[in-house]
N, C-alpha and C. Protein backbone atom coordinates (compact mmCIF):
# COMPACT_ATOMS: atom_id res chain seq x y z
N UNK A 1 22.97 -14.02 9.48
CA UNK A 1 22.47 -13.43 10.71
C UNK A 1 21.08 -13.97 10.96
N UNK A 2 20.82 -14.42 12.15
CA UNK A 2 19.51 -14.93 12.52
C UNK A 2 18.98 -14.07 13.67
N UNK A 3 18.04 -13.21 13.37
CA UNK A 3 17.46 -12.34 14.38
C UNK A 3 16.01 -12.74 14.57
N UNK A 4 15.72 -13.35 15.70
CA UNK A 4 14.34 -13.73 15.99
C UNK A 4 13.66 -12.56 16.66
N UNK A 5 12.73 -11.96 15.96
CA UNK A 5 12.05 -10.79 16.51
C UNK A 5 10.70 -10.64 15.87
N UNK A 6 9.82 -9.98 16.56
CA UNK A 6 8.53 -9.68 15.97
C UNK A 6 8.63 -8.52 15.01
N UNK A 7 9.63 -7.68 15.19
CA UNK A 7 9.77 -6.53 14.31
C UNK A 7 11.24 -6.18 14.13
N UNK A 8 11.62 -5.91 12.91
CA UNK A 8 13.00 -5.49 12.64
C UNK A 8 13.26 -4.13 13.28
N UNK A 9 12.21 -3.34 13.49
CA UNK A 9 12.36 -2.04 14.15
C UNK A 9 12.95 -2.23 15.54
N UNK A 10 12.50 -3.23 16.26
CA UNK A 10 13.00 -3.50 17.61
C UNK A 10 14.45 -3.95 17.62
N UNK A 11 14.95 -4.39 16.48
CA UNK A 11 16.32 -4.91 16.39
C UNK A 11 17.19 -4.04 15.48
N UNK A 12 16.82 -2.79 15.26
CA UNK A 12 17.55 -1.96 14.30
C UNK A 12 19.00 -1.73 14.71
N UNK A 13 19.28 -1.59 16.01
CA UNK A 13 20.67 -1.42 16.45
C UNK A 13 21.50 -2.66 16.15
N UNK A 14 20.93 -3.84 16.40
CA UNK A 14 21.63 -5.09 16.12
C UNK A 14 21.85 -5.25 14.62
N UNK A 15 20.84 -4.93 13.83
CA UNK A 15 20.96 -5.02 12.37
C UNK A 15 22.06 -4.09 11.86
N UNK A 16 22.05 -2.84 12.31
CA UNK A 16 23.06 -1.87 11.88
C UNK A 16 24.46 -2.32 12.27
N UNK A 17 24.63 -2.81 13.48
CA UNK A 17 25.95 -3.28 13.94
C UNK A 17 26.42 -4.48 13.13
N UNK A 18 25.51 -5.39 12.84
CA UNK A 18 25.88 -6.59 12.08
C UNK A 18 26.26 -6.23 10.65
N UNK A 19 25.50 -5.34 10.03
CA UNK A 19 25.80 -4.90 8.66
C UNK A 19 27.14 -4.16 8.63
N UNK A 20 27.39 -3.32 9.62
CA UNK A 20 28.65 -2.60 9.71
C UNK A 20 29.82 -3.57 9.84
N UNK A 21 29.61 -4.66 10.60
CA UNK A 21 30.66 -5.65 10.82
C UNK A 21 30.89 -6.55 9.61
N UNK A 22 29.82 -7.07 9.02
CA UNK A 22 29.93 -8.04 7.92
C UNK A 22 30.05 -7.41 6.54
N UNK A 23 29.49 -6.21 6.37
CA UNK A 23 29.52 -5.49 5.09
C UNK A 23 29.02 -6.35 3.92
N UNK A 24 27.83 -6.92 4.02
CA UNK A 24 27.33 -7.75 2.91
C UNK A 24 27.00 -6.90 1.69
N UNK A 25 27.10 -7.50 0.51
CA UNK A 25 26.69 -6.81 -0.71
C UNK A 25 25.17 -6.74 -0.80
N UNK A 26 24.53 -7.84 -0.42
CA UNK A 26 23.07 -7.95 -0.48
C UNK A 26 22.59 -8.59 0.82
N UNK A 27 21.51 -8.05 1.37
CA UNK A 27 20.93 -8.58 2.60
C UNK A 27 19.43 -8.67 2.43
N UNK A 28 18.86 -9.83 2.64
CA UNK A 28 17.42 -10.03 2.55
C UNK A 28 16.85 -10.34 3.92
N UNK A 29 15.71 -9.76 4.23
CA UNK A 29 15.06 -9.99 5.52
C UNK A 29 13.61 -10.38 5.25
N UNK A 30 13.21 -11.52 5.80
CA UNK A 30 11.81 -11.95 5.71
C UNK A 30 11.16 -11.74 7.07
N UNK A 31 9.87 -11.69 7.08
CA UNK A 31 9.11 -11.50 8.31
C UNK A 31 9.60 -10.28 9.08
N UNK A 32 9.77 -9.17 8.38
CA UNK A 32 10.25 -7.94 9.02
C UNK A 32 9.16 -7.27 9.87
N UNK A 33 7.93 -7.61 9.64
CA UNK A 33 6.76 -7.03 10.30
C UNK A 33 6.61 -5.55 9.96
N UNK A 34 7.26 -5.10 8.90
CA UNK A 34 7.07 -3.72 8.45
C UNK A 34 5.68 -3.62 7.83
N UNK A 35 5.13 -2.42 7.86
CA UNK A 35 3.82 -2.18 7.25
C UNK A 35 3.78 -0.74 6.78
N UNK A 36 2.66 -0.32 6.26
CA UNK A 36 2.54 1.03 5.71
C UNK A 36 2.75 2.12 6.75
N UNK A 37 2.64 1.79 8.02
CA UNK A 37 2.84 2.77 9.10
C UNK A 37 4.32 2.94 9.46
N UNK A 38 5.19 2.12 8.91
CA UNK A 38 6.63 2.21 9.17
C UNK A 38 7.27 2.99 8.03
N UNK A 39 7.95 4.06 8.37
CA UNK A 39 8.59 4.91 7.36
C UNK A 39 9.86 4.26 6.81
N UNK A 40 10.17 4.57 5.55
CA UNK A 40 11.42 4.08 4.96
C UNK A 40 12.62 4.52 5.80
N UNK A 41 12.56 5.73 6.34
CA UNK A 41 13.68 6.24 7.14
C UNK A 41 13.93 5.42 8.39
N UNK A 42 12.91 4.72 8.88
CA UNK A 42 13.07 3.86 10.06
C UNK A 42 13.78 2.56 9.70
N UNK A 43 13.79 2.20 8.43
CA UNK A 43 14.36 0.93 7.98
C UNK A 43 15.66 1.10 7.20
N UNK A 44 15.98 2.33 6.84
CA UNK A 44 17.14 2.60 5.97
C UNK A 44 18.46 2.21 6.64
N UNK A 45 19.38 1.75 5.82
CA UNK A 45 20.75 1.46 6.25
C UNK A 45 21.69 2.30 5.39
N UNK A 46 22.57 3.03 6.03
CA UNK A 46 23.50 3.89 5.30
C UNK A 46 24.37 3.05 4.37
N UNK A 47 24.48 3.50 3.13
CA UNK A 47 25.29 2.80 2.14
C UNK A 47 24.55 1.72 1.38
N UNK A 48 23.25 1.59 1.63
CA UNK A 48 22.45 0.55 0.99
C UNK A 48 21.17 1.15 0.40
N UNK A 49 20.77 0.62 -0.75
CA UNK A 49 19.48 0.94 -1.32
C UNK A 49 18.50 -0.11 -0.79
N UNK A 50 17.37 0.33 -0.32
CA UNK A 50 16.40 -0.57 0.27
C UNK A 50 15.22 -0.78 -0.68
N UNK A 51 14.81 -2.02 -0.79
CA UNK A 51 13.59 -2.39 -1.50
C UNK A 51 12.70 -3.09 -0.49
N UNK A 52 11.44 -2.73 -0.46
CA UNK A 52 10.55 -3.34 0.52
C UNK A 52 9.23 -3.73 -0.11
N UNK A 53 8.63 -4.74 0.46
CA UNK A 53 7.32 -5.19 0.04
C UNK A 53 6.52 -5.47 1.31
N UNK A 54 5.56 -4.61 1.57
CA UNK A 54 4.72 -4.75 2.75
C UNK A 54 3.50 -5.59 2.45
N UNK A 55 2.94 -6.23 3.47
CA UNK A 55 1.72 -7.03 3.25
C UNK A 55 0.52 -6.11 3.03
N UNK A 56 -0.56 -6.67 2.52
CA UNK A 56 -1.78 -5.87 2.38
C UNK A 56 -2.20 -5.29 3.73
N UNK A 57 -2.88 -4.18 3.70
CA UNK A 57 -3.33 -3.50 4.92
C UNK A 57 -4.07 -4.47 5.84
N UNK A 58 -3.74 -4.39 7.12
CA UNK A 58 -4.39 -5.24 8.10
C UNK A 58 -3.73 -6.59 8.29
N UNK A 59 -2.77 -6.93 7.45
CA UNK A 59 -2.06 -8.20 7.56
C UNK A 59 -0.63 -7.92 8.01
N UNK A 60 -0.18 -8.59 9.08
CA UNK A 60 1.16 -8.34 9.60
C UNK A 60 2.17 -9.35 9.06
N UNK A 61 1.75 -10.30 8.27
CA UNK A 61 2.65 -11.34 7.79
C UNK A 61 3.05 -11.08 6.35
N UNK A 62 4.28 -11.46 5.99
CA UNK A 62 4.70 -11.40 4.61
C UNK A 62 5.58 -10.22 4.24
N UNK A 63 5.87 -9.33 5.15
CA UNK A 63 6.71 -8.18 4.81
C UNK A 63 8.16 -8.63 4.59
N UNK A 64 8.76 -8.15 3.52
CA UNK A 64 10.15 -8.48 3.22
C UNK A 64 10.93 -7.21 2.90
N UNK A 65 12.22 -7.25 3.18
CA UNK A 65 13.14 -6.15 2.89
C UNK A 65 14.33 -6.70 2.15
N UNK A 66 14.85 -5.94 1.22
CA UNK A 66 16.07 -6.30 0.50
C UNK A 66 16.96 -5.06 0.50
N UNK A 67 18.17 -5.23 0.98
CA UNK A 67 19.16 -4.15 0.99
C UNK A 67 20.26 -4.52 0.02
N UNK A 68 20.60 -3.58 -0.87
CA UNK A 68 21.66 -3.81 -1.85
C UNK A 68 22.66 -2.68 -1.71
N UNK A 69 23.93 -3.03 -1.61
CA UNK A 69 24.98 -2.03 -1.46
C UNK A 69 24.85 -0.99 -2.57
N UNK A 70 24.90 0.27 -2.20
CA UNK A 70 24.68 1.37 -3.15
C UNK A 70 25.65 1.33 -4.33
N UNK A 71 26.84 0.83 -4.13
CA UNK A 71 27.83 0.77 -5.20
C UNK A 71 27.44 -0.20 -6.31
N UNK A 72 26.45 -1.05 -6.08
CA UNK A 72 26.00 -2.02 -7.09
C UNK A 72 24.97 -1.45 -8.04
N UNK A 73 24.49 -0.25 -7.80
CA UNK A 73 23.56 0.45 -8.70
C UNK A 73 22.39 -0.45 -9.11
N UNK A 74 21.63 -0.92 -8.15
CA UNK A 74 20.50 -1.80 -8.42
C UNK A 74 19.26 -1.00 -8.80
N UNK A 75 18.32 -1.69 -9.44
CA UNK A 75 17.04 -1.08 -9.80
C UNK A 75 15.92 -2.04 -9.43
N UNK A 76 14.74 -1.51 -9.22
CA UNK A 76 13.58 -2.33 -8.91
C UNK A 76 12.92 -2.76 -10.21
N UNK A 77 12.51 -4.03 -10.27
CA UNK A 77 11.90 -4.57 -11.46
C UNK A 77 10.51 -5.09 -11.09
N UNK A 78 9.51 -4.71 -11.86
CA UNK A 78 8.14 -5.18 -11.65
C UNK A 78 7.73 -6.02 -12.86
N UNK A 79 7.28 -7.23 -12.59
CA UNK A 79 6.81 -8.08 -13.68
C UNK A 79 5.43 -7.65 -14.13
N UNK A 80 5.07 -8.00 -15.33
CA UNK A 80 3.75 -7.69 -15.84
C UNK A 80 2.75 -8.77 -15.42
N UNK A 81 3.26 -9.92 -14.99
CA UNK A 81 2.40 -11.02 -14.56
C UNK A 81 1.88 -10.77 -13.17
N UNK A 82 0.70 -11.27 -12.89
CA UNK A 82 0.11 -11.18 -11.56
C UNK A 82 0.11 -12.56 -10.95
N UNK A 83 0.64 -12.66 -9.74
CA UNK A 83 0.68 -13.93 -9.02
C UNK A 83 -0.14 -13.81 -7.74
N UNK A 84 -0.83 -14.87 -7.39
CA UNK A 84 -1.59 -14.88 -6.14
C UNK A 84 -0.68 -15.13 -4.98
């Protein structure tokens, strides 16, 4: 799916319809434009666990979302290493 948008929030209906149609196991979204002011409930997809990484405050670039089908029982992993 290629959704050209400034914000995934503006395309949530299209995203939901596409996910309902394709039923992917894993879906990754880059440049979502999500930030700390966007609630998880605004980005959630039924049947999927969402992982998100927002950019530092004041920066609108770099936000990513990862949706994993709930039946896959995924977990979030944090490395001990720090990367720039």
